[in-house]
């Protein structure tokens, strides 16, 4: 039996080092702020490394857009660099339940 995984969300997850303590404290103290923050890290659908496109905007759950950029060819994108709103993608295509996660080295700033 073969299973086809359908990803519901793509998540751009900042690594631990991307957070300063003040941001962590703020997020832990305010559920609405935490929800807004999480909405800034997720987009509906399946964006894997092989489907990243250079200089494209992607709408996130919050309604704003983030820009993806590829430096180098797609097949060598991880070595040459992929960014999301300037944050470097440092790990790609991590599967979590039915989502795909990309670890990034910074918090994406799109708050309006």
N, C-alpha and C. Protein backbone atom coordinates (compact mmCIF):
# COMPACT_ATOMS: atom_id res chain seq x y z
N UNK A 1 0.84 -1.17 0.00
CA UNK A 1 0.00 0.00 0.00
C UNK A 1 0.89 1.24 0.00
N UNK A 2 0.61 2.17 -0.89
CA UNK A 2 1.39 3.39 -0.99
C UNK A 2 0.57 4.57 -0.44
N UNK A 3 1.21 5.38 0.37
CA UNK A 3 0.54 6.55 0.93
C UNK A 3 1.09 7.81 0.27
N UNK A 4 0.20 8.69 -0.11
CA UNK A 4 0.61 9.98 -0.65
C UNK A 4 0.38 11.01 0.45
N UNK A 5 1.44 11.70 0.82
CA UNK A 5 1.33 12.70 1.88
C UNK A 5 0.88 14.01 1.25
N UNK A 6 -0.18 14.57 1.80
CA UNK A 6 -0.66 15.86 1.35
C UNK A 6 -0.39 16.86 2.47
N UNK A 7 0.46 17.82 2.18
CA UNK A 7 0.83 18.80 3.20
C UNK A 7 -0.23 19.90 3.27
N UNK A 8 -0.67 20.19 4.48
CA UNK A 8 -1.67 21.22 4.69
C UNK A 8 -1.00 22.59 4.74
N UNK A 9 0.13 22.70 5.44
CA UNK A 9 0.82 23.97 5.60
C UNK A 9 2.31 23.82 5.32
N UNK A 10 2.91 24.92 4.92
CA UNK A 10 4.35 25.06 4.91
C UNK A 10 4.68 26.01 6.04
N UNK A 11 5.62 25.62 6.89
CA UNK A 11 5.97 26.41 8.07
C UNK A 11 7.42 26.85 7.95
N UNK A 12 7.65 28.16 8.12
CA UNK A 12 8.99 28.71 8.16
C UNK A 12 9.32 28.93 9.63
N UNK A 13 10.04 28.00 10.21
CA UNK A 13 10.26 27.96 11.66
C UNK A 13 11.63 28.51 12.04
N UNK A 14 11.65 29.63 12.78
CA UNK A 14 12.95 30.16 13.22
C UNK A 14 13.63 29.20 14.18
N UNK A 15 14.95 29.05 14.03
CA UNK A 15 15.70 28.22 14.97
C UNK A 15 15.74 28.92 16.33
N UNK A 16 16.08 28.18 17.37
CA UNK A 16 16.10 28.73 18.74
C UNK A 16 16.93 30.00 18.85
N UNK A 17 18.08 30.02 18.21
CA UNK A 17 19.00 31.16 18.32
C UNK A 17 18.42 32.45 17.73
N UNK A 18 17.34 32.34 16.95
CA UNK A 18 16.73 33.52 16.33
C UNK A 18 15.92 34.35 17.33
N UNK A 19 15.58 33.75 18.45
CA UNK A 19 14.72 34.42 19.43
C UNK A 19 15.55 35.08 20.52
N UNK A 20 15.20 36.32 20.85
CA UNK A 20 15.80 36.91 22.05
C UNK A 20 14.82 36.68 23.21
N UNK A 21 15.32 36.78 24.42
CA UNK A 21 14.52 36.44 25.60
C UNK A 21 13.29 37.34 25.73
N UNK A 22 13.40 38.60 25.37
CA UNK A 22 12.26 39.52 25.47
C UNK A 22 11.11 39.06 24.56
N UNK A 23 11.44 38.60 23.35
CA UNK A 23 10.40 38.10 22.44
C UNK A 23 9.77 36.83 23.01
N UNK A 24 10.59 35.94 23.52
CA UNK A 24 10.06 34.70 24.11
C UNK A 24 9.11 35.04 25.25
N UNK A 25 9.52 35.93 26.14
CA UNK A 25 8.68 36.31 27.27
C UNK A 25 7.37 36.92 26.80
N UNK A 26 7.44 37.78 25.79
CA UNK A 26 6.23 38.42 25.26
C UNK A 26 5.28 37.39 24.66
N UNK A 27 5.82 36.47 23.89
CA UNK A 27 4.98 35.45 23.25
C UNK A 27 4.34 34.53 24.28
N UNK A 28 5.09 34.18 25.32
CA UNK A 28 4.56 33.27 26.35
C UNK A 28 3.51 33.94 27.23
N UNK A 29 3.55 35.26 27.31
CA UNK A 29 2.63 35.99 28.18
C UNK A 29 1.35 36.42 27.47
N UNK A 30 1.32 36.34 26.14
CA UNK A 30 0.19 36.89 25.39
C UNK A 30 -0.22 35.91 24.30
N UNK A 31 -1.32 35.18 24.55
CA UNK A 31 -1.78 34.15 23.62
C UNK A 31 -2.11 34.73 22.25
N UNK A 32 -2.75 35.90 22.20
CA UNK A 32 -3.09 36.52 20.92
C UNK A 32 -1.83 36.88 20.13
N UNK A 33 -0.81 37.40 20.82
CA UNK A 33 0.45 37.72 20.17
C UNK A 33 1.12 36.44 19.64
N UNK A 34 1.07 35.38 20.43
CA UNK A 34 1.64 34.09 20.01
C UNK A 34 0.92 33.58 18.76
N UNK A 35 -0.40 33.66 18.75
CA UNK A 35 -1.18 33.22 17.60
C UNK A 35 -0.83 34.04 16.36
N UNK A 36 -0.72 35.36 16.52
CA UNK A 36 -0.34 36.23 15.41
C UNK A 36 1.05 35.88 14.91
N UNK A 37 1.97 35.66 15.85
CA UNK A 37 3.33 35.29 15.48
C UNK A 37 3.33 33.99 14.66
N UNK A 38 2.60 32.98 15.12
CA UNK A 38 2.56 31.71 14.42
C UNK A 38 1.93 31.86 13.03
N UNK A 39 0.91 32.71 12.92
CA UNK A 39 0.30 32.97 11.62
C UNK A 39 1.28 33.61 10.64
N UNK A 40 2.32 34.24 11.17
CA UNK A 40 3.35 34.86 10.33
C UNK A 40 4.40 33.84 9.86
N UNK A 41 4.32 32.62 10.34
CA UNK A 41 5.31 31.61 9.97
C UNK A 41 4.74 30.53 9.06
N UNK A 42 3.43 30.59 8.75
CA UNK A 42 2.78 29.51 8.04
C UNK A 42 2.09 30.01 6.77
N UNK A 43 2.11 29.16 5.76
CA UNK A 43 1.37 29.42 4.53
C UNK A 43 0.66 28.14 4.12
N UNK A 44 -0.56 28.25 3.61
CA UNK A 44 -1.26 27.05 3.17
C UNK A 44 -0.53 26.39 2.00
N UNK A 45 -0.56 25.08 1.97
CA UNK A 45 -0.01 24.36 0.83
C UNK A 45 1.37 23.80 1.06
N UNK A 46 1.91 23.27 0.00
CA UNK A 46 3.12 22.47 0.03
C UNK A 46 4.23 23.18 -0.75
N UNK A 47 5.17 23.78 -0.03
CA UNK A 47 6.34 24.38 -0.68
C UNK A 47 7.56 23.61 -0.21
N UNK A 48 8.05 22.72 -1.05
CA UNK A 48 9.27 21.99 -0.73
C UNK A 48 10.43 22.64 -1.46
N UNK A 49 11.65 22.25 -1.12
CA UNK A 49 12.83 22.85 -1.75
C UNK A 49 12.74 22.79 -3.27
N UNK A 50 12.27 21.68 -3.78
CA UNK A 50 12.17 21.52 -5.23
C UNK A 50 11.14 22.41 -5.89
N UNK A 51 10.23 22.99 -5.09
CA UNK A 51 9.20 23.86 -5.67
C UNK A 51 9.41 25.33 -5.35
N UNK A 52 10.48 25.67 -4.61
CA UNK A 52 10.80 27.08 -4.36
C UNK A 52 11.05 27.76 -5.70
N UNK A 53 10.58 28.98 -5.81
CA UNK A 53 10.79 29.77 -7.02
C UNK A 53 11.45 31.08 -6.60
N UNK A 54 12.40 31.53 -7.39
CA UNK A 54 13.12 32.76 -7.07
C UNK A 54 12.22 33.98 -7.22
N UNK A 55 12.37 34.89 -6.28
CA UNK A 55 11.73 36.21 -6.32
C UNK A 55 10.21 36.11 -6.47
N UNK A 56 9.62 35.30 -5.62
CA UNK A 56 8.17 35.11 -5.61
C UNK A 56 7.64 35.48 -4.24
N UNK A 57 6.46 36.09 -4.20
CA UNK A 57 5.84 36.37 -2.92
C UNK A 57 4.82 35.28 -2.61
N UNK A 58 4.77 34.92 -1.33
CA UNK A 58 3.88 33.88 -0.84
C UNK A 58 3.01 34.51 0.24
N UNK A 59 1.70 34.29 0.17
CA UNK A 59 0.80 34.83 1.19
C UNK A 59 0.80 33.92 2.40
N UNK A 60 1.03 34.50 3.56
CA UNK A 60 1.03 33.74 4.80
C UNK A 60 -0.35 33.82 5.45
N UNK A 61 -0.59 33.00 6.47
CA UNK A 61 -1.92 32.92 7.08
C UNK A 61 -2.43 34.27 7.57
N UNK A 62 -1.54 35.11 8.05
CA UNK A 62 -1.92 36.41 8.58
C UNK A 62 -2.43 37.33 7.48
N UNK A 63 -2.09 37.06 6.24
CA UNK A 63 -2.55 37.87 5.12
C UNK A 63 -1.46 38.67 4.44
N UNK A 64 -0.34 38.86 5.11
CA UNK A 64 0.80 39.55 4.49
C UNK A 64 1.50 38.59 3.53
N UNK A 65 2.52 39.10 2.87
CA UNK A 65 3.30 38.25 1.98
C UNK A 65 4.75 38.21 2.43
N UNK A 66 5.41 37.12 2.10
CA UNK A 66 6.86 36.99 2.29
C UNK A 66 7.45 36.67 0.93
N UNK A 67 8.70 37.07 0.74
CA UNK A 67 9.37 36.85 -0.54
C UNK A 67 10.39 35.72 -0.40
N UNK A 68 10.37 34.79 -1.36
CA UNK A 68 11.37 33.73 -1.40
C UNK A 68 12.39 34.08 -2.48
N UNK A 69 13.64 33.81 -2.18
CA UNK A 69 14.72 34.01 -3.14
C UNK A 69 15.63 32.79 -3.14
N UNK A 70 16.13 32.46 -4.31
CA UNK A 70 17.08 31.37 -4.48
C UNK A 70 18.35 31.96 -5.07
N UNK A 71 19.47 31.65 -4.46
CA UNK A 71 20.77 32.10 -4.95
C UNK A 71 21.51 30.88 -5.46
N UNK A 72 21.63 30.76 -6.75
CA UNK A 72 22.18 29.57 -7.38
C UNK A 72 21.05 28.78 -8.01
N UNK A 73 21.33 27.64 -8.58
CA UNK A 73 20.30 26.84 -9.23
C UNK A 73 19.45 26.12 -8.18
N UNK A 74 18.25 25.74 -8.56
CA UNK A 74 17.35 25.07 -7.62
C UNK A 74 17.99 23.78 -7.09
N UNK A 75 18.66 23.02 -7.95
CA UNK A 75 19.24 21.76 -7.50
C UNK A 75 20.35 21.98 -6.48
N UNK A 76 20.94 23.16 -6.46
CA UNK A 76 21.99 23.46 -5.49
C UNK A 76 21.56 24.58 -4.53
N UNK A 77 20.25 24.78 -4.43
CA UNK A 77 19.74 25.93 -3.67
C UNK A 77 20.18 25.90 -2.21
N UNK A 78 20.19 24.71 -1.61
CA UNK A 78 20.55 24.67 -0.20
C UNK A 78 22.00 25.09 0.00
N UNK A 79 22.86 24.72 -0.93
CA UNK A 79 24.27 25.10 -0.83
C UNK A 79 24.49 26.57 -1.17
N UNK A 80 23.70 27.09 -2.11
CA UNK A 80 23.89 28.45 -2.57
C UNK A 80 23.01 29.46 -1.87
N UNK A 81 21.99 29.01 -1.22
CA UNK A 81 21.17 29.89 -0.42
C UNK A 81 19.74 30.05 -0.88
N UNK A 82 18.85 29.85 0.05
CA UNK A 82 17.44 30.14 -0.12
C UNK A 82 17.08 31.05 1.04
N UNK A 83 16.34 32.12 0.73
CA UNK A 83 15.91 33.01 1.80
C UNK A 83 14.41 33.20 1.74
N UNK A 84 13.85 33.52 2.91
CA UNK A 84 12.45 33.89 3.05
C UNK A 84 12.44 35.21 3.80
N UNK A 85 12.06 36.27 3.12
CA UNK A 85 12.13 37.63 3.70
C UNK A 85 13.49 37.92 4.31
N UNK A 86 14.53 37.45 3.65
CA UNK A 86 15.89 37.71 4.09
C UNK A 86 16.45 36.71 5.10
N UNK A 87 15.58 35.90 5.69
CA UNK A 87 16.05 34.87 6.63
C UNK A 87 16.58 33.68 5.82
N UNK A 88 17.76 33.19 6.18
CA UNK A 88 18.34 32.05 5.48
C UNK A 88 17.63 30.76 5.87
N UNK A 89 17.29 29.96 4.86
CA UNK A 89 16.73 28.63 5.11
C UNK A 89 17.92 27.73 5.42
N UNK A 90 17.95 27.18 6.63
CA UNK A 90 19.11 26.39 7.06
C UNK A 90 18.84 24.89 7.09
N UNK A 91 17.55 24.50 7.03
CA UNK A 91 17.18 23.09 6.92
C UNK A 91 15.88 23.04 6.15
N UNK A 92 15.78 22.13 5.21
CA UNK A 92 14.60 22.11 4.34
C UNK A 92 13.84 20.81 4.45
N UNK A 93 12.58 20.89 4.06
CA UNK A 93 11.73 19.72 3.84
C UNK A 93 11.63 18.79 5.05
N UNK A 94 11.52 19.34 6.23
CA UNK A 94 11.30 18.54 7.43
C UNK A 94 9.81 18.24 7.51
N UNK A 95 9.44 16.97 7.60
CA UNK A 95 8.03 16.60 7.62
C UNK A 95 7.56 16.51 9.07
N UNK A 96 6.48 17.21 9.36
CA UNK A 96 5.87 17.18 10.69
C UNK A 96 4.39 16.88 10.50
N UNK A 97 3.99 15.69 10.86
CA UNK A 97 2.62 15.21 10.66
C UNK A 97 2.28 15.38 9.19
N UNK A 98 1.41 16.32 8.82
CA UNK A 98 1.15 16.53 7.40
C UNK A 98 1.46 17.98 6.99
N UNK A 99 2.52 18.51 7.58
CA UNK A 99 3.05 19.82 7.21
C UNK A 99 4.49 19.65 6.78
N UNK A 100 5.00 20.60 6.03
CA UNK A 100 6.42 20.61 5.68
C UNK A 100 7.03 21.84 6.35
N UNK A 101 8.18 21.64 6.99
CA UNK A 101 8.82 22.70 7.78
C UNK A 101 10.18 23.02 7.18
N UNK A 102 10.49 24.32 7.12
CA UNK A 102 11.81 24.79 6.74
C UNK A 102 12.34 25.60 7.92
N UNK A 103 13.49 25.20 8.45
CA UNK A 103 14.11 25.96 9.54
C UNK A 103 14.81 27.16 8.95
N UNK A 104 14.61 28.32 9.60
CA UNK A 104 15.24 29.56 9.15
C UNK A 104 16.06 30.15 10.29
N UNK A 105 17.00 31.03 9.95
CA UNK A 105 17.93 31.53 10.97
C UNK A 105 17.51 32.85 11.60
N UNK A 106 16.30 33.33 11.29
CA UNK A 106 15.85 34.60 11.84
C UNK A 106 14.32 34.59 11.96
N UNK A 107 13.82 35.46 12.80
CA UNK A 107 12.38 35.65 12.90
C UNK A 107 11.95 36.50 11.71
N UNK A 108 10.90 36.06 11.01
CA UNK A 108 10.39 36.81 9.86
C UNK A 108 9.62 38.01 10.40
N UNK A 109 10.01 39.18 9.96
CA UNK A 109 9.34 40.41 10.40
C UNK A 109 8.41 40.91 9.31
N UNK A 110 7.12 40.71 9.54
CA UNK A 110 6.12 41.21 8.61
C UNK A 110 4.97 41.87 9.37
N UNK A 111 5.17 42.13 10.65
CA UNK A 111 4.10 42.76 11.43
C UNK A 111 3.76 44.11 10.84
N UNK A 112 2.47 44.39 10.74
CA UNK A 112 2.02 45.65 10.15
C UNK A 112 1.57 46.60 11.23
